[in-house]
Each structure stands twice: as C-alpha cells, then as structure tokens.
N, C-alpha and C. Protein backbone atom coordinates (compact mmCIF):
# COMPACT_ATOMS: atom_id res chain seq x y z
N UNK A 1 -16.69 11.39 -31.32
CA UNK A 1 -17.65 12.18 -30.47
C UNK A 1 -17.64 11.35 -29.13
N UNK A 2 -18.09 12.01 -28.12
CA UNK A 2 -18.09 11.71 -27.05
C UNK A 2 -19.87 11.14 -26.73
N UNK A 3 -20.05 10.04 -25.87
CA UNK A 3 -21.38 9.35 -25.88
C UNK A 3 -21.76 9.10 -24.59
N UNK A 4 -22.74 9.72 -23.88
CA UNK A 4 -23.15 9.70 -22.56
C UNK A 4 -24.64 9.20 -22.41
N UNK A 5 -24.70 8.31 -21.42
CA UNK A 5 -26.12 7.88 -21.23
C UNK A 5 -26.84 9.31 -20.23
N UNK A 6 -28.04 8.99 -20.60
CA UNK A 6 -28.88 10.03 -20.00
C UNK A 6 -28.72 10.20 -18.37
N UNK A 7 -28.74 9.01 -17.76
CA UNK A 7 -28.46 8.95 -16.28
C UNK A 7 -27.12 9.39 -15.81
N UNK A 8 -25.93 9.21 -17.14
CA UNK A 8 -24.84 9.97 -16.29
C UNK A 8 -24.96 11.49 -16.68
N UNK A 9 -25.69 11.95 -17.38
CA UNK A 9 -25.87 13.42 -17.62
C UNK A 9 -26.79 13.84 -16.41
N UNK A 10 -27.64 13.18 -15.80
CA UNK A 10 -28.06 13.60 -14.89
C UNK A 10 -27.21 13.73 -13.52
N UNK A 11 -26.14 12.91 -13.25
CA UNK A 11 -25.45 12.42 -11.98
C UNK A 11 -24.17 13.54 -12.32
N UNK A 12 -24.02 13.56 -13.65
CA UNK A 12 -22.63 14.14 -13.63
C UNK A 12 -22.67 15.65 -14.59
N UNK A 13 -23.92 16.20 -14.65
CA UNK A 13 -23.91 17.37 -15.71
C UNK A 13 -22.82 18.50 -15.56
N UNK A 14 -22.39 18.67 -14.58
CA UNK A 14 -21.47 19.85 -14.48
C UNK A 14 -20.02 19.20 -15.03
N UNK A 15 -19.74 17.78 -14.67
CA UNK A 15 -18.52 17.53 -15.12
C UNK A 15 -18.65 17.33 -16.67
N UNK A 16 -19.76 16.76 -17.26
CA UNK A 16 -19.97 16.58 -18.59
C UNK A 16 -19.86 18.14 -19.54
N UNK A 17 -20.50 19.05 -18.88
CA UNK A 17 -20.59 20.70 -19.46
C UNK A 17 -18.80 20.82 -19.36
N UNK A 18 -18.35 20.89 -18.28
CA UNK A 18 -16.92 21.25 -18.06
C UNK A 18 -16.06 20.49 -19.35
N UNK A 19 -16.15 19.34 -19.41
CA UNK A 19 -15.53 18.56 -20.65
C UNK A 19 -15.83 19.22 -21.92
N UNK A 20 -17.02 19.09 -22.13
CA UNK A 20 -17.50 19.91 -23.26
C UNK A 20 -17.03 21.28 -23.78
N UNK A 21 -16.81 22.06 -22.80
CA UNK A 21 -16.35 23.41 -22.98
C UNK A 21 -14.90 23.52 -23.26
N UNK A 22 -14.27 22.45 -22.49
CA UNK A 22 -12.67 22.34 -22.90
C UNK A 22 -12.34 21.56 -24.31
N UNK A 23 -13.15 20.50 -24.55
CA UNK A 23 -13.02 19.93 -25.99
C UNK A 23 -13.56 20.38 -27.14
N UNK A 24 -14.71 21.24 -26.91
CA UNK A 24 -15.42 21.72 -28.03
C UNK A 24 -16.18 20.72 -28.77
N UNK A 25 -16.44 19.30 -28.31
CA UNK A 25 -16.56 18.17 -29.20
C UNK A 25 -18.14 17.80 -28.66
N UNK A 26 -18.88 17.64 -29.66
CA UNK A 26 -20.35 17.52 -29.09
C UNK A 26 -20.37 16.28 -28.08
N UNK A 27 -21.51 16.21 -27.62
CA UNK A 27 -21.57 15.02 -26.80
C UNK A 27 -23.10 14.41 -27.03
N UNK A 28 -23.44 12.85 -27.80
CA UNK A 28 -24.31 12.36 -27.96
C UNK A 28 -24.81 11.82 -26.76
N UNK A 29 -26.01 12.03 -26.28
CA UNK A 29 -26.79 11.77 -25.15
C UNK A 29 -28.03 10.60 -25.54
N UNK A 30 -27.56 9.29 -24.86
CA UNK A 30 -28.55 8.17 -25.34
C UNK A 30 -29.30 7.89 -24.25
N UNK A 31 -30.65 7.43 -24.68
CA UNK A 31 -31.52 7.00 -23.59
C UNK A 31 -32.17 5.55 -24.35
N UNK A 32 -32.08 4.34 -23.47
CA UNK A 32 -32.38 3.14 -23.57
C UNK A 32 -31.74 2.59 -24.85
N UNK A 33 -30.49 3.06 -24.85
CA UNK A 33 -29.40 2.79 -26.11
C UNK A 33 -29.53 3.53 -27.34
N UNK A 34 -30.53 4.36 -27.46
CA UNK A 34 -30.67 5.06 -28.56
C UNK A 34 -30.52 6.50 -28.40
N UNK A 35 -29.88 7.27 -29.45
CA UNK A 35 -29.53 8.60 -29.63
C UNK A 35 -30.91 9.36 -29.03
N UNK A 36 -30.62 10.32 -28.51
CA UNK A 36 -31.75 11.16 -28.03
C UNK A 36 -31.57 12.68 -28.10
N UNK A 37 -30.34 13.17 -28.15
CA UNK A 37 -30.01 14.59 -28.17
C UNK A 37 -28.44 14.62 -28.18
N UNK A 38 -28.00 15.89 -28.74
CA UNK A 38 -26.48 16.17 -28.69
C UNK A 38 -26.54 17.53 -27.82
N UNK A 39 -25.48 17.51 -26.93
CA UNK A 39 -24.95 18.64 -26.27
C UNK A 39 -23.90 19.53 -27.21
N UNK A 40 -23.96 20.69 -27.48
CA UNK A 40 -22.98 21.29 -28.04
C UNK A 40 -22.77 22.69 -27.30
N UNK A 41 -21.48 22.94 -27.71
CA UNK A 41 -21.10 24.45 -26.90
C UNK A 41 -21.77 25.67 -27.53
N UNK A 42 -22.14 26.58 -26.67
CA UNK A 42 -22.96 27.62 -27.12
C UNK A 42 -22.55 28.38 -28.57
N UNK A 43 -21.08 28.64 -28.38
CA UNK A 43 -20.75 29.16 -29.63
C UNK A 43 -20.55 28.50 -30.91
N UNK A 44 -20.42 27.11 -30.85
CA UNK A 44 -20.60 26.34 -32.23
C UNK A 44 -21.88 26.27 -32.40
N UNK A 45 -23.07 26.09 -31.36
CA UNK A 45 -24.32 26.28 -31.83
C UNK A 45 -24.95 27.41 -32.60
N UNK A 46 -24.50 28.59 -32.14
CA UNK A 46 -24.50 29.85 -32.87
C UNK A 46 -24.06 29.75 -33.95
N UNK A 47 -22.72 29.56 -34.37
CA UNK A 47 -22.16 29.57 -35.49
C UNK A 47 -22.74 28.63 -36.52
N UNK A 48 -23.46 27.38 -36.03
CA UNK A 48 -23.90 26.58 -37.03
C UNK A 48 -25.58 27.37 -37.38
N UNK A 49 -25.98 27.95 -36.47
CA UNK A 49 -27.14 28.60 -37.05
C UNK A 49 -27.05 29.50 -37.89
N UNK A 50 -25.95 30.76 -37.75
CA UNK A 50 -25.36 31.72 -38.77
C UNK A 50 -25.36 30.82 -40.18
N UNK A 51 -24.55 29.64 -40.05
CA UNK A 51 -24.17 29.14 -41.54
C UNK A 51 -25.54 28.59 -42.00
N UNK A 52 -26.46 27.84 -41.22
CA UNK A 52 -27.58 27.43 -41.95
C UNK A 52 -28.43 29.03 -42.38
N UNK A 53 -28.41 29.87 -41.80
CA UNK A 53 -29.13 30.99 -42.26
C UNK A 53 -28.63 31.33 -43.78
N UNK A 54 -27.24 31.40 -43.81
CA UNK A 54 -26.49 31.70 -44.91
C UNK A 54 -26.63 30.79 -46.17
N UNK A 55 -26.80 29.34 -45.94
CA UNK A 55 -27.13 28.60 -46.65
C UNK A 55 -28.64 28.68 -47.12
N UNK A 56 -29.55 29.04 -46.21
CA UNK A 56 -30.79 29.18 -46.59
C UNK A 56 -30.99 30.06 -47.84
N UNK A 57 -30.30 31.40 -47.35
CA UNK A 57 -30.37 32.48 -48.24
C UNK A 57 -29.71 32.22 -49.51
N UNK A 58 -28.64 31.41 -49.63
CA UNK A 58 -28.29 30.92 -50.95
C UNK A 58 -29.06 30.15 -51.68
N UNK A 59 -29.73 29.30 -51.03
CA UNK A 59 -31.03 28.46 -51.78
C UNK A 59 -32.11 29.31 -52.30
N UNK A 60 -32.41 30.15 -51.44
CA UNK A 60 -33.35 31.00 -51.91
C UNK A 60 -33.10 31.86 -53.33
N UNK A 61 -31.97 32.35 -53.32
CA UNK A 61 -31.25 33.19 -54.53
C UNK A 61 -31.23 31.92 -55.61
N UNK A 62 -30.46 30.75 -55.36
CA UNK A 62 -30.54 29.70 -56.54
C UNK A 62 -31.97 29.54 -57.18
N UNK A 63 -32.84 29.45 -56.28
CA UNK A 63 -34.27 29.11 -56.55
C UNK A 63 -34.88 30.46 -57.51
N UNK A 64 -34.55 31.44 -57.09
CA UNK A 64 -35.05 32.84 -58.03
C UNK A 64 -34.45 32.65 -59.18
N UNK A 65 -32.93 32.26 -59.45
CA UNK A 65 -32.54 32.20 -60.42
C UNK A 65 -33.41 31.14 -61.57
N UNK A 66 -33.29 30.08 -60.88
CA UNK A 66 -34.22 28.86 -61.74
C UNK A 66 -35.32 29.15 -61.91
N UNK A 67 -35.84 29.91 -61.35
CA UNK A 67 -37.55 30.47 -61.62
C UNK A 67 -37.30 31.65 -62.44
N UNK A 68 -36.43 32.05 -62.77
CA UNK A 68 -36.25 33.46 -63.61
C UNK A 68 -36.64 34.83 -63.09
N UNK A 69 -36.75 34.76 -61.68
CA UNK A 69 -37.09 35.85 -60.75
C UNK A 69 -36.04 36.75 -60.41
N UNK A 70 -35.41 37.57 -61.54
CA UNK A 70 -34.02 37.93 -61.39
C UNK A 70 -34.33 39.43 -62.08
N UNK A 71 -33.36 40.40 -61.77
CA UNK A 71 -33.31 41.74 -62.52
C UNK A 71 -31.85 41.71 -63.05
N UNK A 72 -32.30 42.75 -64.07
CA UNK A 72 -30.79 43.19 -64.73
C UNK A 72 -29.90 43.93 -63.43
N UNK A 73 -28.84 44.34 -63.97
CA UNK A 73 -28.26 45.41 -63.12
C UNK A 73 -28.63 46.75 -63.15
N UNK A 74 -29.15 47.28 -63.90
CA UNK A 74 -29.76 48.36 -64.01
C UNK A 74 -31.28 48.47 -63.46
N UNK A 75 -31.83 47.44 -63.54
CA UNK A 75 -32.90 47.69 -63.19
C UNK A 75 -33.08 46.98 -61.38
N UNK A 76 -32.15 46.61 -61.01
CA UNK A 76 -31.75 46.09 -59.69
C UNK A 76 -31.02 47.69 -58.99
N UNK A 77 -30.06 48.19 -59.69
CA UNK A 77 -29.60 49.44 -59.12
C UNK A 77 -30.91 50.64 -58.98
N UNK A 78 -31.76 50.30 -59.90
CA UNK A 78 -33.07 51.50 -59.81
C UNK A 78 -34.08 51.19 -58.70
N UNK A 79 -34.07 49.93 -58.39
CA UNK A 79 -34.85 49.60 -57.58
C UNK A 79 -34.33 49.78 -56.16
N UNK A 80 -33.14 49.71 -55.96
CA UNK A 80 -32.64 49.90 -54.77
C UNK A 80 -31.80 51.31 -54.47
N UNK A 81 -32.20 52.05 -55.32
CA UNK A 81 -31.86 53.40 -55.12
C UNK A 81 -32.24 54.18 -54.01
N UNK A 82 -33.38 53.89 -53.70
CA UNK A 82 -34.16 54.37 -52.75
C UNK A 82 -33.38 54.17 -51.15
N UNK A 83 -32.96 53.18 -51.06
CA UNK A 83 -32.06 52.54 -49.59
C UNK A 83 -30.66 52.92 -49.93
N UNK A 84 -30.13 53.40 -51.16
CA UNK A 84 -28.59 53.83 -51.24
C UNK A 84 -28.39 55.22 -51.18
N UNK A 85 -29.51 55.67 -50.89
CA UNK A 85 -28.95 57.56 -50.63
C UNK A 85 -28.62 57.84 -49.63
C-alpha cells in the first residue's frame, strides 16, 4: 500500500489520483505521522459497499435463524404469493 503525507496530497493531488487510478492500490494519507484517511478508487469503494450490504444481509439472516424467526417453505410461499403473481 502506498503511503502519502497530507502535504504531498495537497501539492500533488492530480498525480496521486492518476497513480491511484492506474494501480488501483489504496493510498494511506498520514498527518503528523499518524494514519488519517485512505484514498480508494471509486469502483473499488462501490464494490466494497455492495459487499458490505450483502454481508449485513447474511448477518441478519443468521441472527433470524438463531432467534427462531424463520418460516417453513409452505408458510414462506404463502406469505410471498402476493408478490409472486
């Protein structure tokens, strides 16, 4: 992973962004020697957001199963029949 100082980002933003788009490698921005932010390509960010949404959905489903909030296949089909017409 590439690391850049925030002052370099201020001075060379266009070059840093061009490198980011070419390499698709995230850039860690530091301030006063401490991590401050990550720069990531837009497509990579959107992909991560979609993946996070899917994982959250799976987690809700697992929680429902553990808590016994499930339906039999016939009951689920009955409940969904109004949408499946």
